[in-house]
Structures are given as structure tokens and as C-alpha cells.
Amino acid sequence: MLDLKPMAGKGRPDTGPTLDSSAILAAKARWCPTHRRQDALAEARSGGTFRMSDTPLYLKTITEMAGLIRSKEVSPVEITSQVLQRIDDLNGRYKAYTTVMAEHAMEAAGRAEREITAGSYRGPLHGVPIAVKDLYFTRGVRTMGGSKALVDHVPEYDSTVVQRLDAAGAVLLGKLNLT
């Protein structure tokens, strides 16, 4: 539990007491994958045993995923299936996705894998799973834009963002809730 008590005698007279920043960082490290990952990287730099391969695929950055896909160390299908499993495991609790497009995503990942294997690599987003906010029109997929008035709205065209992601070969996982 994060201790938010001020540090005794450590405040500036004009602003009052300060919080112990090490306690805040320790609390973040417990719940935030990025901070756990940064701690692991710092450990590795100081001679620890953490390896980047220890990071689950669904926690890798887009840059890391792109490198793995381009070098054919990991397939877009493998990454997409792991990310979809993670969405399935957590979306009931967090409600991050309004629409999960699992079938579409697996088809797009398979297509990307075939293209990359054939030597037709489109660039750094090719085969990388990604999601868009539910504001962006996606042809044939419900787009509510956070409004109950649009609960049944299914656009007949893709927004420019979705068109460009598709042209880059990105794998669209679904639509994200607006926050």
C-alpha cells in the first residue's frame, strides 16, 4: 500500500511537506507493466539475469513487435493470438474494447504473415496488432463514438486513419471505448 504521509522535515517552507518519491515509484512498479519492465531493464544493465525474451509478446512495444516480425522471429498470427487472448482475459473487467474484431484480426494477421514470408514487407506496422478508438469509422463495423444515439451505426466506409493503418498492413484488433 502506498504510504502518502509526508516525509518529516523534508518540505519547503513555501509549499509544505513533500511525498517520498521512492514510495510512489515502488507503488507504480507493483501495478504498472512499464515500471516493472523498466525495473527489470535496470536490473539487467547492472548484471542481472532479465532478458527481453522474458517479456510476454502482449507487453512488447510496437517497435519491438515490428522488429520481431520483420526478422521473422515471431509471426503476426502468434502475436495477434496472444494479444486477443489477453483482451479476452481482461476486457470483461476493464471494458476497454467496445468491439473486439477477433476473426477479422486473425485473417489480417494470416494475410500479413503470408505477405512477409513472400518478401513483401510493407513497413514497421506490417503485422503489428493495433486498436482504434470507437470514433474512427470502420466499414461494416459498428461505430458508436461514445453515444447511445449511434449504438446501431455501421459506417459504409473507413476513416482515413483506418485506411492508412490497413495500407501499412497493421492488424486491427477492434474498437476502444472512449475515456
Foldseek 3Di string as FASTA:
>chain_A
DQDQDFDPPCDDPVPDGDGDVVSVLVVCCVPPPVSVVVVLVVCVVVPHDDDPVPDDLLPDDLQVVLVCCLVVVDALLRSLVVNVVVCVVPCVPVVFAPDFPSVQLNVLSVVLRVCSVVVNQLDSQASAEDEEALCWADAQDQRQVQHPVRRPPHDNDTHPVVVVSVSNSHRYGHHTYDD
